[in-house]
Structure formats: C-alpha cells, structure tokens
Amino acid sequence: MGNIPGNHSLITAVATTLRRYDMVTQGDRIVVGVSGGPDSIALLHCLVALRDEWAFTLIVGHLNHGLRKDSAGQEADFVKRVAEDLGLPYKTDNQDVKRFCRKYGRSLEEGAREVRYRFYGTVAREVGARRVALGHQADDNAESIMMHLLRGTGPKGLTGIPPMRDGWIIRPLIDVSRKTIIQFLRENGLGYVEDASNRDPRYLRNRIRHELFPMLRASYGFKPVPVLTRLAETLREEEAFWDGQVARAFRRALVEKEATHIGLSIKDLNALSPALQRRSIRYAVSELKGDVRGLEQKHVALVSQFLKRPYPVGRLNLPRGMVVSCDGNKVTFSLGDQKGVGDFAYQMWGPGETVIGELGLSIDASICAPREVTHRLKSFPASVACFDAQAVSFPLMVRNVRPGDRFIPLGMTGSQKVKDFFINKKVSRLERQRTPLVWSGEMLIWVVGHRIHDAAKVKTNTRRVLKLELIDSDIKD
C-alpha cells in the first residue's frame, strides 16, 4: 500500500484539524467509518500514520446499507482486506435501509444517515471508543451549504457540516479538498472503491458537484469550496454567539418545562426582535426533541405569525409529530404521535418542490425529455417515479389515504383498493397514514414509494416525462 511519509501535507493537515477543533486526546480509542471510497480510505491511512504520535487505538467500521446489492459485498470485502493489511480490528453489519425508511417515514438519504449513525454508535459502545471519525471533506461541506441555500435554509443551515457533532462524531478531513485527497491516494498507490451513484444526476448533490460548481468556476471565476468554507466558519462563530443570546431569552420566556412539553410566555416572545424570536422557537423545539430536523424556516415563520395574532388561540401541527398550541397567554410545544400523522392535503401547481410539513418531506416535480430517464426507469429508487406528462395534469393533489381510494397498480388491468394494496404489501397502519398519495384529477397516479398507476406510465410514444421525487426537506448536517 505504499510507504506513506508522516510529514505528507495531507497527514499534516489532518493533525492540524485534530488540534484546531480539539477532536481527540492522547490514547483515544477511535472507530473509523470506512465505506471504501477515497475519502474514508485516505482518512484511515492518515490516522494510522498519526497513531504512534497520538497513541490511538483504531477500529474499522463498515456498514452495508443494502442499497447496492451488486457491489456492496465487494466493498465490504475490500474494506476488510484494508483493515487486515493494516492490522486493525474490523466491525461490520448489514442493514435494510429501504425497510427502515418505509417503517419510520424517512427519505432514503435521511434513513441511511440514521442507520449509519446507529451502527457507529453501537460499535463505539462495544469497543469503548470515545470518537467516531468520518470522511467528510471540504467539497462535501461546500456542496451541503449550497444544497441548503437552494432549499431556502436559515443561517444555521449555512454553517455546513460541523467538524464535530454531538461530542463523539469527528471529521478530520473537513478542511481538506477532494483534489488533495485523490492526489494523496495516487501518490501512495492506495486503492479505493468508486461509488457509481456519486455521478447519478438524479441527486441534487451530484448536480451541484458536476454541473453547478464547474459552471460557477468557468463562467464566473467563483471558487465555491474556499468561499463557502469561509462563509461556514464565519457563521459558526456567529451562531455560537447567538446560542448564548437565545438561551437567555428562552429562560426569560420559560413558563414550564416537562419531558413531554415546554410552555413559553407569548408576551415575552413577542417582545423579542424577529431574529431572536425565530431562534427561540427553534431552541424550544430542540430542547424538547433533541434536534430540529424537519423544522424549516417556513414552519418557524408560521409559528411567529401565529404568535402575532391579536388573540393567539389554536393549534399548529409541525413536522415529526411536534404540536404547537396557544391559549392566548402561553404557547406550548409538545410531542404528539411521533409515528402517526393526521390528514394532510397539498396542491402541486407545477414543477418545483411541494413540502409535506407533517412528514418533514417534500415532493419535487420536474418535466424532462424521455431520453433522460427511459434507460434508467428500472434502476430508479422507490422514491422516484416517472409518468407520461400527457396522461396527467396540474394541479396535482398530494394527500394521505382516505376510505375508498382506488387505483390500477402498474402491470395490472383491474382497479384495487389502496387499503387492500397496503395489506398485500404488509404496510402497517401507521405507515399507511404517513404514505403520500399523488392524484391527477380523479386518478391516483402514485402511491409514493410503492407503485404508480398503470395508465400514467411512460410509454414508447411518450413525448414528455413528469418526474416526481420524494426528498428529505430537513436541514442536513
């Protein structure tokens, strides 16, 4: 695998990052998340090179998400060989991420992240590790910031991928570019696995990486990675300041705090500046749930508008089962049913993104030429569906199941009740309420994540394709 000099620029950069963010201490036991891709392989070798200086104990962790059956086994074997060649313990597991997403109503990206972190947490506890090191690097960070920006995030989303998360996830490559990592691997003859999905244009991150960023560099002379990295660093410092301000404002407005609910004075909240009020709302949700996933700026704005009414009385349902209720003097944030949701219905007026607030998800609609998708129809994940655009018409309706709903599943000739379809697919009652249905007029064209209507399928004479994609509308980290 090559004789890697300890003073290589990448290894030096990793050591600098470890010290800058106080990521580790002498003698730490660290689980290194290794997918087999270039970033995680480079990270592993850098930590091995620093092992003697820092007295690290390293354990390699690899998770098979069950998403790429054709290559997942090869990736696991490759990572195992790398660990053995380096004389490191190797921990692995297989998980069905798609099943997890169906069960808990998560997008594929969000579900994969949750399953992955659960795995790393389990391994860390088993081996007594204080830290889990992941291979996110500077380009990943810039891409995430741009994704958040395009989705209308607030300042928090522009802080990017944190160098440390929750006190146990560390990212020693966060200040290093993808180009530097590839150069390091080539100079030292280190092999890695190429993930074909990293070039799939269905994913927004890939379009940013392979289309938007190159165009910004070529046409505008804009260097997205260093510019967005500096932006994230500045905003992280400002957010640290704001955190102190928000904590004090929250304590002043606090009326009651229990495990299941938090009550705040509406009068005290309305006395705050709009910026501080918005942050206090997010802080309340975070204090109750432990995170703010699913809570977008638009949801916070709804709560703020509600508080400004002459006599605020009523109830709002936020994503992930969060309920906000007002009695005129006090606003109460409480945890509803974290799995079940009430009835919801949204109109999709045309191409673009439609947010399903109750689920923390959204559906993105786009029109494209058949040549862009027909060769990939069978390889699309369950979160993507394509239709003959002439067979459907806007506005579309997105809602959950109602009694009597019927459709003709793809490949069948007779109609079937959606209830029976769910029963045959062994979909639980809770999952049924969380499953969006997309309607074109009186025709149910997509039971999202499961099956499209046969009459709306893409045909050989289709001239335009409507592509719908279920995506996570959470602010990622």
Protein backbone atom coordinates (compact mmCIF):
# COMPACT_ATOMS: atom_id res chain seq x y z
CA MET A 1 0.00 0.00 0.00
CA GLY A 2 2.96 2.27 -0.25
CA ASN A 3 5.28 3.78 2.32
CA ILE A 4 3.44 6.92 3.47
CA PRO A 5 5.69 9.61 4.90
CA GLY A 6 4.47 11.01 8.20
CA ASN A 7 5.13 14.56 7.04
CA HIS A 8 2.89 14.33 3.97
CA SER A 9 0.83 17.52 3.56
CA LEU A 10 -2.47 15.69 3.98
CA ILE A 11 -1.36 13.99 7.19
CA THR A 12 -0.11 17.32 8.49
CA ALA A 13 -3.45 18.94 7.61
CA VAL A 14 -5.35 16.20 9.47
CA ALA A 15 -3.15 16.64 12.55
CA THR A 16 -3.77 20.39 12.42
CA THR A 17 -7.54 19.87 12.23
CA LEU A 18 -7.47 17.41 15.14
CA ARG A 19 -5.76 20.05 17.27
CA ARG A 20 -7.74 23.04 15.97
CA TYR A 21 -11.09 21.57 16.97
CA ASP A 22 -9.80 19.59 19.96
CA MET A 23 -11.17 16.43 18.38
CA VAL A 24 -9.06 13.86 20.20
CA THR A 25 -6.74 13.35 23.14
CA GLN A 26 -3.72 11.13 23.62
CA GLY A 27 -4.62 7.47 23.88
CA ASP A 28 -8.11 7.78 22.38
CA ARG A 29 -9.91 4.73 21.01
CA ILE A 30 -11.46 5.72 17.66
CA VAL A 31 -13.89 3.97 15.34
CA VAL A 32 -13.12 4.96 11.74
CA GLY A 33 -16.13 4.78 9.43
CA VAL A 34 -14.81 3.30 6.18
CA SER A 35 -17.07 2.90 3.16
CA GLY A 36 -14.20 2.04 0.84
CA GLY A 37 -14.44 5.34 -1.04
CA PRO A 38 -11.48 7.71 -1.47
CA ASP A 39 -12.29 9.97 1.49
CA SER A 40 -12.65 7.25 4.12
CA ILE A 41 -9.60 5.34 2.82
CA ALA A 42 -7.46 8.48 2.96
CA LEU A 43 -8.76 9.26 6.45
CA LEU A 44 -7.93 5.77 7.69
CA HIS A 45 -4.35 5.92 6.40
CA CYS A 46 -3.82 9.40 7.86
CA LEU A 47 -4.96 8.24 11.29
CA VAL A 48 -2.73 5.16 11.03
CA ALA A 49 0.21 7.44 10.20
CA LEU A 50 -0.59 9.53 13.30
CA ARG A 51 -1.24 6.53 15.52
CA ASP A 52 2.13 6.38 17.24
CA GLU A 53 2.30 10.11 17.92
CA TRP A 54 -1.19 10.20 19.44
CA ALA A 55 -1.27 6.64 20.85
CA PHE A 56 -4.52 5.96 19.00
CA THR A 57 -6.36 2.66 19.08
CA LEU A 58 -8.21 2.39 15.76
CA ILE A 59 -11.16 0.16 14.87
CA VAL A 60 -12.54 0.00 11.31
CA GLY A 61 -16.35 0.12 10.98
CA HIS A 62 -18.17 -0.68 7.74
CA LEU A 63 -21.94 -0.76 7.18
CA ASN A 64 -23.68 -2.41 4.23
CA HIS A 65 -26.83 -0.34 3.70
CA GLY A 66 -28.42 -2.99 1.46
CA LEU A 67 -28.85 -0.42 -1.32
CA ARG A 68 -26.38 -1.71 -3.92
CA LYS A 69 -26.72 -5.47 -3.98
CA ASP A 70 -24.40 -5.77 -6.98
CA SER A 71 -21.39 -4.09 -5.36
CA ALA A 72 -21.99 -3.97 -1.61
CA GLY A 73 -20.37 -7.34 -0.98
CA GLN A 74 -17.28 -6.34 -2.94
CA GLU A 75 -17.00 -3.10 -0.98
CA ALA A 76 -17.24 -4.97 2.34
CA ASP A 77 -14.56 -7.44 1.23
CA PHE A 78 -12.30 -4.59 0.12
CA VAL A 79 -12.62 -2.72 3.42
CA LYS A 80 -12.00 -5.94 5.35
CA ARG A 81 -8.77 -6.56 3.37
CA VAL A 82 -7.61 -2.99 4.03
CA ALA A 83 -8.24 -3.41 7.76
CA GLU A 84 -6.40 -6.75 7.81
CA ASP A 85 -3.43 -5.32 5.88
CA LEU A 86 -3.18 -2.53 8.45
CA GLY A 87 -3.61 -4.94 11.35
CA LEU A 88 -6.79 -3.24 12.58
CA PRO A 89 -9.94 -4.76 14.12
CA TYR A 90 -12.90 -4.79 11.73
CA LYS A 91 -16.58 -4.40 12.63
CA THR A 92 -19.36 -4.70 10.07
CA ASP A 93 -23.12 -5.12 9.80
CA ASN A 94 -25.85 -5.40 7.17
CA GLN A 95 -28.98 -3.25 7.35
CA ASP A 96 -32.05 -2.89 5.13
CA VAL A 97 -32.21 0.90 4.84
CA LYS A 98 -35.23 0.88 2.49
CA ARG A 99 -37.21 -1.11 5.01
CA PHE A 100 -36.17 1.30 7.77
CA CYS A 101 -37.30 4.27 5.65
CA ARG A 102 -40.70 2.68 4.96
CA LYS A 103 -41.19 1.85 8.63
CA TYR A 104 -40.31 5.28 10.00
CA GLY A 105 -41.34 7.51 7.09
CA ARG A 106 -37.82 8.70 6.24
CA SER A 107 -36.33 9.69 2.92
CA LEU A 108 -33.61 7.40 1.62
CA GLU A 109 -30.82 9.86 2.42
CA GLU A 110 -32.11 10.59 5.90
CA GLY A 111 -32.78 6.93 6.67
CA ALA A 112 -29.31 5.88 5.52
CA ARG A 113 -27.75 8.52 7.76
CA GLU A 114 -29.79 7.45 10.80
CA VAL A 115 -28.98 3.77 10.30
CA ARG A 116 -25.32 4.56 9.75
CA TYR A 117 -25.01 6.65 12.93
CA ARG A 118 -26.81 3.99 14.94
CA PHE A 119 -24.31 1.43 13.70
CA TYR A 120 -21.33 3.62 14.56
CA GLY A 121 -22.78 4.34 17.99
CA THR A 122 -23.27 0.64 18.65
CA VAL A 123 -19.72 -0.22 17.59
CA ALA A 124 -18.30 2.65 19.69
CA ARG A 125 -20.10 1.37 22.77
CA GLU A 126 -18.99 -2.22 22.11
CA VAL A 127 -15.30 -1.33 21.83
CA GLY A 128 -15.29 1.53 24.34
CA ALA A 129 -14.44 4.23 21.79
CA ARG A 130 -14.81 7.95 22.61
CA ARG A 131 -14.89 9.09 19.00
CA VAL A 132 -16.13 8.03 15.58
CA ALA A 133 -14.14 9.54 12.68
CA LEU A 134 -15.93 10.12 9.36
CA GLY A 135 -14.52 11.15 6.00
CA HIS A 136 -16.48 14.30 5.16
CA GLN A 137 -14.21 16.83 3.48
CA ALA A 138 -14.25 20.44 2.31
CA ASP A 139 -16.00 19.77 -1.02
CA ASP A 140 -18.74 17.81 0.79
CA ASN A 141 -19.16 20.78 3.10
CA ALA A 142 -19.46 23.30 0.26
CA GLU A 143 -21.97 21.07 -1.57
CA SER A 144 -24.08 20.74 1.58
CA ILE A 145 -24.10 24.50 2.10
CA MET A 146 -25.22 25.06 -1.49
CA MET A 147 -27.95 22.43 -1.11
CA HIS A 148 -29.22 24.19 1.99
CA LEU A 149 -29.05 27.57 0.27
CA LEU A 150 -31.06 26.33 -2.72
CA ARG A 151 -33.70 24.95 -0.35
CA GLY A 152 -34.08 28.26 1.46
CA THR A 153 -32.34 27.48 4.73
CA GLY A 154 -31.68 29.93 7.53
CA PRO A 155 -28.24 30.89 8.91
CA LYS A 156 -27.90 27.61 10.82
CA GLY A 157 -28.04 25.61 7.60
CA LEU A 158 -25.25 27.73 6.13
CA THR A 159 -22.85 26.67 8.87
CA GLY A 160 -22.35 23.49 6.87
CA ILE A 161 -21.11 20.15 8.16
CA PRO A 162 -19.79 20.63 11.69
CA PRO A 163 -16.20 19.48 12.35
CA MET A 164 -17.55 17.77 15.48
CA ARG A 165 -21.08 16.58 16.16
CA ASP A 166 -22.67 15.66 19.50
CA GLY A 167 -19.26 15.31 21.13
CA TRP A 168 -18.42 11.97 19.51
CA ILE A 169 -18.53 12.35 15.70
CA ILE A 170 -15.34 13.93 14.33
CA ARG A 171 -14.43 14.89 10.77
CA PRO A 172 -10.66 15.28 10.48
CA LEU A 173 -10.76 15.89 6.69
CA ILE A 174 -13.24 18.77 6.87
CA ASP A 175 -10.61 21.38 5.89
CA VAL A 176 -9.15 19.29 3.03
CA SER A 177 -10.26 19.38 -0.62
CA ARG A 178 -11.31 16.35 -2.63
CA LYS A 179 -8.49 17.09 -5.09
CA THR A 180 -5.87 16.89 -2.33
CA ILE A 181 -7.29 13.57 -1.14
CA ILE A 182 -7.20 11.99 -4.60
CA GLN A 183 -3.65 13.23 -5.09
CA PHE A 184 -2.63 11.66 -1.76
CA LEU A 185 -4.11 8.30 -2.76
CA ARG A 186 -2.41 8.31 -6.16
CA GLU A 187 0.99 9.33 -4.79
CA ASN A 188 0.91 6.48 -2.30
CA GLY A 189 -0.65 3.82 -4.53
CA LEU A 190 -3.73 3.43 -2.35
CA GLY A 191 -6.76 1.78 -3.92
CA TYR A 192 -10.36 2.68 -3.22
CA VAL A 193 -13.88 1.87 -4.38
CA GLU A 194 -15.75 4.10 -6.81
CA ASP A 195 -19.44 4.55 -5.97
CA ALA A 196 -21.34 4.88 -9.26
CA SER A 197 -24.19 6.73 -7.51
CA ASN A 198 -21.85 9.69 -6.97
CA ARG A 199 -22.37 10.58 -10.64
CA ASP A 200 -26.11 9.93 -10.79
CA PRO A 201 -27.76 13.23 -11.84
CA ARG A 202 -30.95 12.30 -10.02
CA TYR A 203 -29.36 13.52 -6.80
CA LEU A 204 -29.13 17.26 -6.18
CA ARG A 205 -25.70 16.96 -4.59
CA ASN A 206 -24.32 15.38 -7.76
CA ARG A 207 -25.81 18.08 -9.98
CA ILE A 208 -24.19 20.70 -7.77
CA ARG A 209 -20.86 18.87 -7.88
CA HIS A 210 -20.72 18.06 -11.59
CA GLU A 211 -22.80 20.86 -13.14
CA LEU A 212 -23.30 23.93 -10.94
CA PHE A 213 -19.86 24.24 -9.35
CA PRO A 214 -17.94 23.74 -12.63
CA MET A 215 -20.19 26.33 -14.30
CA LEU A 216 -19.58 28.82 -11.47
CA ARG A 217 -15.83 28.30 -11.80
CA ALA A 218 -15.75 28.55 -15.60
CA SER A 219 -18.28 31.34 -16.20
CA TYR A 220 -17.94 33.50 -13.09
CA GLY A 221 -14.50 32.75 -11.71
CA PHE A 222 -16.21 31.76 -8.46
CA LYS A 223 -14.32 29.28 -6.27
CA PRO A 224 -17.16 27.65 -4.37
CA VAL A 225 -15.22 25.43 -1.97
CA PRO A 226 -12.95 28.03 -0.30
CA VAL A 227 -15.61 30.76 -0.44
CA LEU A 228 -18.37 28.62 1.10
CA THR A 229 -15.93 27.17 3.63
CA ARG A 230 -15.09 30.68 4.85
CA LEU A 231 -18.80 31.51 4.99
CA ALA A 232 -19.47 28.44 7.13
CA GLU A 233 -16.63 29.26 9.51
CA THR A 234 -17.87 32.82 9.97
CA LEU A 235 -21.44 31.72 10.56
CA ARG A 236 -20.39 29.03 13.04
CA GLU A 237 -18.72 31.73 15.12
CA GLU A 238 -21.80 33.94 14.90
CA GLU A 239 -24.10 31.05 15.77
CA ALA A 240 -22.02 30.39 18.89
CA PHE A 241 -22.69 33.99 19.93
CA TRP A 242 -26.39 33.70 19.13
CA ASP A 243 -26.67 30.48 21.12
CA GLY A 244 -25.88 32.38 24.31
CA GLN A 245 -28.38 35.13 23.48
CA VAL A 246 -31.10 32.63 22.64
CA ALA A 247 -30.56 30.57 25.80
CA ARG A 248 -31.05 33.70 27.92
CA ALA A 249 -34.18 34.77 26.00
CA PHE A 250 -35.58 31.25 26.30
CA ARG A 251 -35.07 31.18 30.08
CA ARG A 252 -36.83 34.55 30.47
CA ALA A 253 -39.85 33.35 28.48
CA LEU A 254 -39.99 29.87 30.04
CA VAL A 255 -43.20 29.14 31.95
CA GLU A 256 -42.97 25.37 32.33
CA LYS A 257 -40.73 22.58 31.11
CA GLU A 258 -41.58 18.89 31.27
CA ALA A 259 -40.41 15.81 29.40
CA THR A 260 -43.40 15.98 27.05
CA HIS A 261 -43.94 19.72 26.67
CA ILE A 262 -42.45 23.20 27.04
CA GLY A 263 -44.51 26.33 27.74
CA LEU A 264 -43.33 29.86 26.91
CA SER A 265 -44.83 33.27 27.55
CA ILE A 266 -46.31 34.71 24.36
CA LYS A 267 -45.84 38.23 25.71
CA ASP A 268 -42.12 37.64 26.32
CA LEU A 269 -41.64 36.02 22.91
CA ASN A 270 -43.38 38.88 21.13
CA ALA A 271 -41.14 41.38 22.94
CA LEU A 272 -38.11 39.86 21.20
CA SER A 273 -36.68 41.01 17.87
CA PRO A 274 -37.92 38.86 14.96
CA ALA A 275 -34.48 37.24 14.63
CA LEU A 276 -34.29 36.35 18.31
CA GLN A 277 -37.88 35.11 18.35
CA ARG A 278 -37.27 32.77 15.42
CA ARG A 279 -34.21 31.35 17.10
CA SER A 280 -36.09 30.97 20.39
CA ILE A 281 -38.76 28.92 18.62
CA ARG A 282 -36.13 26.62 17.16
CA TYR A 283 -34.44 26.43 20.56
CA ALA A 284 -37.70 25.30 22.19
CA VAL A 285 -38.14 22.55 19.61
CA SER A 286 -34.53 21.44 20.06
CA GLU A 287 -34.87 21.38 23.85
CA LEU A 288 -37.93 19.16 23.58
CA LYS A 289 -36.95 16.82 20.73
CA GLY A 290 -33.17 16.92 20.92
CA ASP A 291 -32.90 18.22 17.34
CA VAL A 292 -34.71 20.41 14.82
CA ARG A 293 -34.89 18.01 11.90
CA GLY A 294 -37.92 18.64 9.76
CA LEU A 295 -38.31 22.17 11.10
CA GLU A 296 -37.75 24.60 8.22
CA GLN A 297 -37.80 28.39 8.12
CA LYS A 298 -41.33 28.29 6.75
CA HIS A 299 -42.53 26.34 9.80
CA VAL A 300 -40.85 28.78 12.19
CA ALA A 301 -42.45 31.67 10.28
CA LEU A 302 -45.88 30.06 10.72
CA VAL A 303 -45.39 29.91 14.48
CA SER A 304 -44.19 33.53 14.57
CA GLN A 305 -47.23 34.69 12.59
CA PHE A 306 -49.47 32.73 14.92
CA LEU A 307 -47.96 34.44 17.98
CA LYS A 308 -48.53 37.89 16.45
CA ARG A 309 -52.31 37.45 16.19
CA PRO A 310 -54.38 39.84 18.37
CA TYR A 311 -55.53 36.87 20.42
CA PRO A 312 -53.46 33.78 19.58
CA VAL A 313 -55.57 30.72 20.30
CA GLY A 314 -55.37 27.45 18.40
CA ARG A 315 -53.05 24.68 17.33
CA LEU A 316 -50.40 24.07 14.67
CA ASN A 317 -49.02 20.71 13.59
CA LEU A 318 -45.30 20.78 12.76
CA PRO A 319 -43.17 18.02 11.19
CA ARG A 320 -42.12 14.95 13.15
CA GLY A 321 -45.15 15.00 15.43
CA MET A 322 -44.44 18.37 17.04
CA VAL A 323 -47.59 20.25 18.12
CA VAL A 324 -47.73 23.98 18.92
CA SER A 325 -50.79 25.21 20.82
CA CYS A 326 -51.67 28.68 22.14
CA ASP A 327 -54.16 29.72 24.83
CA GLY A 328 -53.76 33.47 24.44
CA ASN A 329 -51.02 33.89 27.05
CA LYS A 330 -48.84 30.81 26.66
CA VAL A 331 -47.53 28.86 23.70
CA THR A 332 -46.91 25.17 24.37
CA PHE A 333 -44.59 22.96 22.33
CA SER A 334 -45.48 19.30 22.83
CA LEU A 335 -44.64 15.93 21.40
CA GLY A 336 -47.53 14.33 19.57
CA ASP A 337 -47.52 10.89 18.00
CA GLN A 338 -44.00 10.59 16.57
CA LYS A 339 -45.11 8.00 14.02
CA GLY A 340 -48.70 8.75 13.18
CA VAL A 341 -49.95 11.89 11.43
CA GLY A 342 -53.33 13.42 10.85
CA ASP A 343 -54.94 14.05 7.49
CA PHE A 344 -52.96 16.27 5.13
CA ALA A 345 -53.53 17.59 1.62
CA TYR A 346 -51.39 19.85 -0.58
CA GLN A 347 -51.76 21.09 -4.14
CA MET A 348 -48.84 20.88 -6.52
CA TRP A 349 -49.37 23.65 -9.05
CA GLY A 350 -46.49 22.84 -11.37
CA PRO A 351 -42.81 21.88 -11.48
CA GLY A 352 -40.97 22.61 -8.27
CA GLU A 353 -40.95 21.47 -4.66
CA THR A 354 -44.06 20.85 -2.57
CA VAL A 355 -43.40 20.49 1.17
CA ILE A 356 -45.40 17.98 3.23
CA GLY A 357 -44.98 19.62 6.61
CA GLU A 358 -46.45 16.77 8.64
CA LEU A 359 -43.81 14.35 7.33
CA GLY A 360 -40.77 16.62 7.08
CA LEU A 361 -40.60 15.53 3.42
CA SER A 362 -41.28 17.11 0.08
CA ILE A 363 -42.01 16.04 -3.49
CA ASP A 364 -40.02 17.64 -6.29
CA ALA A 365 -41.66 17.76 -9.73
CA SER A 366 -39.79 18.27 -13.00
CA ILE A 367 -40.52 17.87 -16.70
CA CYS A 368 -37.89 16.21 -18.87
CA ALA A 369 -37.39 14.51 -22.21
CA PRO A 370 -37.89 10.71 -22.38
CA ARG A 371 -34.24 10.17 -23.36
CA GLU A 372 -33.18 11.50 -19.96
CA VAL A 373 -34.98 8.82 -17.98
CA THR A 374 -36.23 5.88 -20.05
CA HIS A 375 -32.94 3.98 -19.86
CA ARG A 376 -32.97 4.29 -16.06
CA LEU A 377 -36.63 3.62 -15.26
CA LYS A 378 -35.93 0.23 -13.69
CA SER A 379 -32.94 1.49 -11.70
CA PHE A 380 -34.65 4.45 -10.03
CA PRO A 381 -35.14 4.06 -6.27
CA ALA A 382 -38.66 3.76 -4.85
CA SER A 383 -38.53 7.48 -4.00
CA VAL A 384 -38.62 8.41 -7.72
CA ALA A 385 -41.46 7.87 -10.20
CA CYS A 386 -41.87 8.85 -13.85
CA PHE A 387 -45.11 9.46 -15.75
CA ASP A 388 -46.32 10.27 -19.24
CA ALA A 389 -46.85 14.03 -18.86
CA GLN A 390 -49.78 13.91 -21.30
CA ALA A 391 -51.60 11.41 -19.08
CA VAL A 392 -51.61 13.76 -16.07
CA SER A 393 -52.34 17.43 -15.50
CA PHE A 394 -51.58 20.10 -12.91
CA PRO A 395 -52.54 20.92 -10.29
CA LEU A 396 -51.76 17.59 -8.70
CA MET A 397 -53.03 16.77 -5.22
CA VAL A 398 -50.79 15.23 -2.56
CA ARG A 399 -52.59 13.72 0.42
CA ASN A 400 -52.68 10.62 2.57
CA VAL A 401 -55.10 7.75 2.23
CA ARG A 402 -58.87 8.11 2.59
CA PRO A 403 -61.51 5.34 2.73
CA GLY A 404 -62.48 4.13 -0.73
CA ASP A 405 -59.30 5.24 -2.54
CA ARG A 406 -58.58 3.01 -5.55
CA PHE A 407 -56.07 2.78 -8.40
CA ILE A 408 -54.80 0.39 -11.06
CA PRO A 409 -51.29 -0.67 -9.98
CA LEU A 410 -48.63 -0.77 -12.69
CA GLY A 411 -48.80 -4.06 -14.59
CA MET A 412 -52.41 -4.78 -13.67
CA THR A 413 -55.67 -4.27 -15.59
CA GLY A 414 -58.20 -4.08 -12.76
CA SER A 415 -58.51 -1.47 -10.04
CA GLN A 416 -57.67 -2.23 -6.43
CA LYS A 417 -58.47 -0.51 -3.17
CA VAL A 418 -55.44 1.25 -1.73
CA LYS A 419 -56.30 -0.35 1.61
CA ASP A 420 -56.06 -3.82 0.06
CA PHE A 421 -52.86 -2.87 -1.73
CA PHE A 422 -51.32 -1.85 1.61
CA ILE A 423 -52.49 -5.05 3.26
CA ASN A 424 -50.98 -7.17 0.50
CA LYS A 425 -47.71 -5.24 0.80
CA LYS A 426 -47.81 -5.71 4.61
CA VAL A 427 -47.73 -1.95 5.20
CA SER A 428 -48.60 -1.13 8.83
CA ARG A 429 -51.49 1.17 9.74
CA LEU A 430 -49.09 3.87 10.92
CA GLU A 431 -47.08 3.67 7.69
CA ARG A 432 -50.28 3.95 5.64
CA GLN A 433 -51.13 7.33 7.19
CA ARG A 434 -47.58 8.53 6.53
CA THR A 435 -47.61 7.47 2.86
CA PRO A 436 -48.39 10.34 0.43
CA LEU A 437 -50.71 9.68 -2.49
CA VAL A 438 -50.38 11.80 -5.63
CA TRP A 439 -53.58 12.47 -7.59
CA SER A 440 -54.17 13.92 -11.04
CA GLY A 441 -57.82 14.84 -11.00
CA GLU A 442 -59.71 11.67 -10.07
CA MET A 443 -56.78 9.37 -10.89
CA LEU A 444 -54.39 8.23 -8.18
CA ILE A 445 -51.13 8.22 -10.14
CA TRP A 446 -48.65 7.29 -7.39
CA VAL A 447 -48.74 5.53 -4.05
CA VAL A 448 -45.45 7.15 -3.11
CA GLY A 449 -42.63 4.73 -2.55
CA HIS A 450 -44.68 1.77 -3.80
CA ARG A 451 -46.46 1.79 -7.18
CA ILE A 452 -47.71 4.10 -9.95
CA HIS A 453 -51.00 3.92 -11.86
CA ASP A 454 -50.71 1.77 -14.98
CA ALA A 455 -52.45 4.36 -17.18
CA ALA A 456 -49.90 7.04 -16.25
CA LYS A 457 -46.75 5.06 -17.07
CA VAL A 458 -44.13 6.20 -19.57
CA LYS A 459 -44.83 4.65 -22.99
CA THR A 460 -42.86 4.26 -26.21
CA ASN A 461 -44.70 7.25 -27.72
CA THR A 462 -44.31 9.47 -24.65
CA ARG A 463 -43.08 12.93 -25.63
CA ARG A 464 -42.59 14.50 -22.21
CA VAL A 465 -41.97 12.88 -18.84
CA LEU A 466 -43.12 14.10 -15.46
CA LYS A 467 -40.60 13.02 -12.83
CA LEU A 468 -41.57 13.13 -9.17
CA GLU A 469 -39.03 12.60 -6.41
CA LEU A 470 -39.64 12.26 -2.69
CA ILE A 471 -36.88 14.10 -0.87
CA ASP A 472 -35.97 14.97 2.67
CA SER A 473 -36.83 18.59 3.42
CA ASP A 474 -34.79 18.61 6.64
CA ILE A 475 -31.73 20.77 7.11
CA LYS A 476 -28.86 18.35 6.82
CA ASP A 477 -25.67 18.31 8.79
